[in-house]
Amino acid sequence: MIRVFIGFDPVETVSYHVLSHSIQARASEPVAIAPLMLSQLSGVMTRERHELQSTDFSFSRFLTPYLCDFQGWALFMDCDMLVLDDIAKLWALRDESYAVQVVKHDHVPSEDTKFLGQAQSKYEKKNWSSVMLFNNAKCTALTPEFVNSATGLELHRFQWLGDDGLIGEIPHRWNHLVGYDETVPVANISNLHYTIGGPYFDDYRGTDYADEWFAEKAAMGRCD
């Protein structure tokens, strides 16, 4: 069973469901998907929302290994994505020598704001944590106590590992940053990441690869 945890924010509810559909529609193996909803994490996720926190799941993503009892593997994804490939291909890249595997972006955004006027934070390893393959047994530092008290930089820069050598790499096609990465044919992309703003927001309806997202939403609504 492929275990997938998707960040959930009520502001982007439709994005969670379209992403879920895009995963299941292409998967060649059984997939279990769980939303990381703060309403379901009361008593576990207790930290107050930070002024620079752009989504509900900015920090709750790091609870993924804990929610798996620090056993096996799990995949975390931001909700503002669209999978165009078989998720089993990504799952097959699991490497026991690493604690976590990510796309190692060199991403330094030039703008100061993104969707809904949210502040655009800039830091080393930005967007590495938006898609993470967790080797849960090697992520025992991510207890609720730590996730609730650590700084954002400690979490998103993977300082909890203590060794960058424990961070493995997955192909760039699994976290294509729309609006930042070079525009390429969708055949060369496995996962679109609308990080600056998805086409479900009025201001971004014309963003690159918007047609793919709207087509997926339409397919999700099929009822014949």
Protein backbone atom coordinates (compact mmCIF):
# COMPACT_ATOMS: atom_id res chain seq x y z
CA MET A 1 0.00 0.00 0.00
CA ILE A 2 1.33 3.41 -1.00
CA ARG A 3 0.69 5.85 1.87
CA VAL A 4 0.21 9.47 0.84
CA PHE A 5 -0.38 12.41 3.17
CA ILE A 6 -1.56 15.64 1.54
CA GLY A 7 -1.46 19.03 3.21
CA PHE A 8 -4.98 20.42 3.64
CA ASP A 9 -6.08 24.02 3.95
CA PRO A 10 -9.78 25.02 3.80
CA VAL A 11 -8.80 27.92 1.54
CA GLU A 12 -7.67 25.37 -1.08
CA THR A 13 -10.17 22.57 -0.50
CA VAL A 14 -10.73 21.93 -4.21
CA SER A 15 -6.99 21.54 -4.80
CA TYR A 16 -6.80 18.66 -2.31
CA HIS A 17 -9.58 16.76 -4.05
CA VAL A 18 -8.27 17.34 -7.57
CA LEU A 19 -4.78 16.24 -6.52
CA SER A 20 -6.20 13.13 -4.87
CA HIS A 21 -8.13 12.28 -8.03
CA SER A 22 -5.06 12.80 -10.20
CA ILE A 23 -3.10 10.34 -8.05
CA GLN A 24 -5.74 7.63 -7.93
CA ALA A 25 -6.65 7.90 -11.61
CA ARG A 26 -3.09 7.03 -12.67
CA ALA A 27 -1.91 4.71 -9.91
CA SER A 28 -1.07 1.11 -10.78
CA GLU A 29 -0.95 0.06 -7.12
CA PRO A 30 -3.33 0.64 -4.18
CA VAL A 31 -2.97 4.10 -2.66
CA ALA A 32 -4.21 5.29 0.73
CA ILE A 33 -4.53 9.09 0.91
CA ALA A 34 -4.96 11.06 4.14
CA PRO A 35 -5.45 14.83 4.40
CA LEU A 36 -3.45 16.61 7.09
CA MET A 37 -6.38 18.61 8.48
CA LEU A 38 -5.79 20.64 11.61
CA SER A 39 -9.36 19.89 12.69
CA GLN A 40 -8.30 16.23 12.92
CA LEU A 41 -5.02 16.94 14.71
CA SER A 42 -6.26 18.74 17.82
CA GLY A 43 -4.08 17.83 20.78
CA VAL A 44 -1.28 16.82 18.41
CA MET A 45 -0.64 19.99 16.40
CA THR A 46 -0.76 22.71 19.04
CA ARG A 47 1.59 25.44 17.87
CA GLU A 48 0.05 28.83 17.12
CA ARG A 49 -0.05 30.01 13.53
CA HIS A 50 2.97 32.10 12.61
CA GLU A 51 2.56 35.34 10.65
CA LEU A 52 4.78 33.94 7.87
CA GLN A 53 2.84 30.67 7.68
CA SER A 54 1.06 30.67 4.31
CA THR A 55 -0.95 27.43 4.76
CA ASP A 56 -2.42 25.32 7.56
CA PHE A 57 0.03 22.53 6.74
CA SER A 58 3.27 24.54 6.76
CA PHE A 59 4.39 22.61 9.85
CA SER A 60 1.93 19.72 10.22
CA ARG A 61 3.61 18.01 7.22
CA PHE A 62 6.43 17.04 9.55
CA LEU A 63 4.04 14.92 11.64
CA THR A 64 3.83 12.38 8.81
CA PRO A 65 6.36 9.91 10.33
CA TYR A 66 4.68 10.19 13.75
CA LEU A 67 1.26 9.48 12.22
CA CYS A 68 2.80 6.32 10.75
CA ASP A 69 4.13 5.27 14.19
CA PHE A 70 7.62 5.81 12.73
CA GLN A 71 7.21 2.64 10.67
CA GLY A 72 7.56 1.98 6.96
CA TRP A 73 7.50 4.71 4.34
CA ALA A 74 5.11 7.54 3.52
CA LEU A 75 4.87 10.30 0.95
CA PHE A 76 3.94 13.88 1.80
CA MET A 77 2.74 16.34 -0.84
CA ASP A 78 1.51 19.93 -0.79
CA CYS A 79 -2.09 20.23 -1.98
CA ASP A 80 -1.31 22.72 -4.77
CA MET A 81 -0.14 19.97 -7.11
CA LEU A 82 -1.33 17.81 -9.98
CA VAL A 83 0.10 14.35 -10.59
CA LEU A 84 0.43 13.40 -14.25
CA ASP A 85 2.17 10.05 -13.80
CA ASP A 86 1.88 6.76 -11.93
CA ILE A 87 2.67 7.48 -8.27
CA ALA A 88 4.03 3.92 -8.02
CA LYS A 89 7.03 5.10 -10.05
CA LEU A 90 7.89 7.61 -7.35
CA TRP A 91 7.21 5.07 -4.60
CA ALA A 92 9.66 2.67 -6.29
CA LEU A 93 12.49 5.17 -5.74
CA ARG A 94 12.56 4.55 -1.97
CA ASP A 95 16.14 4.10 -0.78
CA GLU A 96 16.74 2.69 2.70
CA SER A 97 20.06 4.55 3.00
CA TYR A 98 18.20 7.87 3.35
CA ALA A 99 15.85 9.32 5.97
CA VAL A 100 14.02 11.49 3.47
CA GLN A 101 14.10 11.98 -0.29
CA VAL A 102 13.19 15.22 -2.05
CA VAL A 103 13.64 17.24 -5.22
CA LYS A 104 16.61 19.43 -4.36
CA HIS A 105 15.50 22.73 -5.86
CA ASP A 106 17.74 25.76 -6.06
CA HIS A 107 14.76 28.06 -5.69
CA VAL A 108 15.14 31.74 -4.80
CA PRO A 109 11.85 33.53 -5.60
CA SER A 110 12.14 37.16 -6.65
CA GLU A 111 8.65 38.25 -5.57
CA ASP A 112 7.64 39.22 -2.03
CA THR A 113 4.05 37.89 -2.11
CA LYS A 114 2.21 34.90 -3.56
CA PHE A 115 -1.42 33.70 -3.63
CA LEU A 116 -3.96 35.69 -1.57
CA GLY A 117 -1.27 38.22 -0.69
CA GLN A 118 0.66 35.76 1.46
CA ALA A 119 4.28 36.63 2.22
CA GLN A 120 6.84 34.82 0.07
CA SER A 121 9.51 33.45 2.39
CA LYS A 122 13.06 32.92 1.17
CA TYR A 123 15.40 30.39 2.74
CA GLU A 124 17.90 27.68 1.95
CA LYS A 125 16.32 24.43 0.67
CA LYS A 126 13.08 26.21 -0.21
CA ASN A 127 10.43 23.86 -1.62
CA TRP A 128 12.44 20.76 -0.73
CA SER A 129 9.76 19.92 1.84
CA SER A 130 6.83 20.22 -0.58
CA VAL A 131 7.29 16.61 -1.74
CA MET A 132 8.95 14.26 0.75
CA LEU A 133 9.44 10.52 0.75
CA PHE A 134 9.80 9.74 4.46
CA ASN A 135 11.71 6.69 5.69
CA ASN A 136 9.77 6.93 8.92
CA ALA A 137 12.03 4.87 11.18
CA LYS A 138 14.87 7.31 10.48
CA CYS A 139 12.75 10.37 11.29
CA THR A 140 12.14 9.76 14.99
CA ALA A 141 13.25 13.30 15.83
CA LEU A 142 9.91 14.50 14.42
CA THR A 143 7.87 13.99 17.57
CA PRO A 144 4.83 16.21 18.13
CA GLU A 145 6.79 18.01 20.86
CA PHE A 146 9.57 18.88 18.43
CA VAL A 147 7.30 19.80 15.52
CA ASN A 148 5.31 22.11 17.80
CA SER A 149 8.37 23.89 19.19
CA ALA A 150 11.01 23.92 16.43
CA THR A 151 11.49 26.97 14.26
CA GLY A 152 10.33 26.96 10.67
CA LEU A 153 13.93 27.00 9.46
CA GLU A 154 14.86 24.03 11.66
CA LEU A 155 12.05 22.04 10.09
CA HIS A 156 12.14 23.11 6.45
CA ARG A 157 15.94 23.12 6.23
CA PHE A 158 15.99 19.57 7.65
CA GLN A 159 18.21 20.53 10.57
CA TRP A 160 16.42 17.85 12.61
CA LEU A 161 18.39 15.24 10.68
CA GLY A 162 21.76 16.58 11.76
CA ASP A 163 23.33 15.34 8.54
CA ASP A 164 22.46 16.46 4.99
CA GLY A 165 23.87 13.16 3.81
CA LEU A 166 20.60 11.57 4.97
CA ILE A 167 18.66 13.59 2.38
CA GLY A 168 18.32 11.67 -0.86
CA GLU A 169 17.24 13.05 -4.20
CA ILE A 170 14.31 12.27 -6.47
CA PRO A 171 14.00 13.39 -10.11
CA HIS A 172 13.01 16.98 -10.74
CA ARG A 173 9.98 15.89 -12.79
CA TRP A 174 8.26 14.96 -9.50
CA ASN A 175 8.14 18.57 -8.29
CA HIS A 176 7.96 20.91 -11.28
CA LEU A 177 7.59 24.48 -10.00
CA VAL A 178 5.04 26.16 -12.26
CA GLY A 179 6.04 29.73 -13.07
CA TYR A 180 9.64 29.19 -12.01
CA ASP A 181 10.93 26.14 -13.83
CA GLU A 182 11.38 26.22 -17.58
CA THR A 183 8.13 25.46 -19.42
CA VAL A 184 8.44 21.97 -20.90
CA PRO A 185 5.97 19.52 -22.47
CA VAL A 186 3.72 17.83 -19.91
CA ALA A 187 5.12 14.49 -21.10
CA ASN A 188 8.33 15.48 -19.27
CA ILE A 189 6.53 16.30 -16.01
CA SER A 190 5.26 13.84 -13.42
CA ASN A 191 3.96 16.34 -10.86
CA LEU A 192 2.98 19.97 -11.40
CA HIS A 193 3.42 22.26 -8.39
CA TYR A 194 1.45 25.52 -8.59
CA THR A 195 3.49 26.99 -5.74
CA ILE A 196 2.95 30.68 -6.51
CA GLY A 197 -0.81 30.18 -6.94
CA GLY A 198 -3.05 27.51 -8.44
CA PRO A 199 -5.57 28.04 -11.27
CA TYR A 200 -8.40 27.60 -8.74
CA PHE A 201 -7.58 31.16 -7.58
CA ASP A 202 -9.03 33.88 -9.84
CA ASP A 203 -5.68 35.68 -10.08
CA TYR A 204 -3.98 32.56 -11.44
CA ARG A 205 -6.58 31.09 -13.78
CA GLY A 206 -4.26 31.76 -16.70
CA THR A 207 -1.11 30.32 -15.15
CA ASP A 208 1.02 27.82 -17.04
CA TYR A 209 -0.51 24.33 -17.18
CA ALA A 210 -3.90 25.64 -16.02
CA ASP A 211 -5.65 23.64 -18.75
CA GLU A 212 -4.32 20.40 -17.26
CA TRP A 213 -5.73 21.28 -13.85
CA PHE A 214 -9.17 22.22 -15.16
CA ALA A 215 -9.30 19.04 -17.26
CA GLU A 216 -8.56 16.99 -14.14
CA LYS A 217 -11.25 18.80 -12.18
CA ALA A 218 -13.75 18.05 -14.95
CA ALA A 219 -12.74 14.37 -14.98
CA MET A 220 -13.21 14.23 -11.21
CA GLY A 221 -16.81 15.39 -11.62
CA ARG A 222 -17.75 12.63 -14.04
CA CYS A 223 -21.03 11.00 -13.02
CA ASP A 224 -22.19 9.00 -16.05
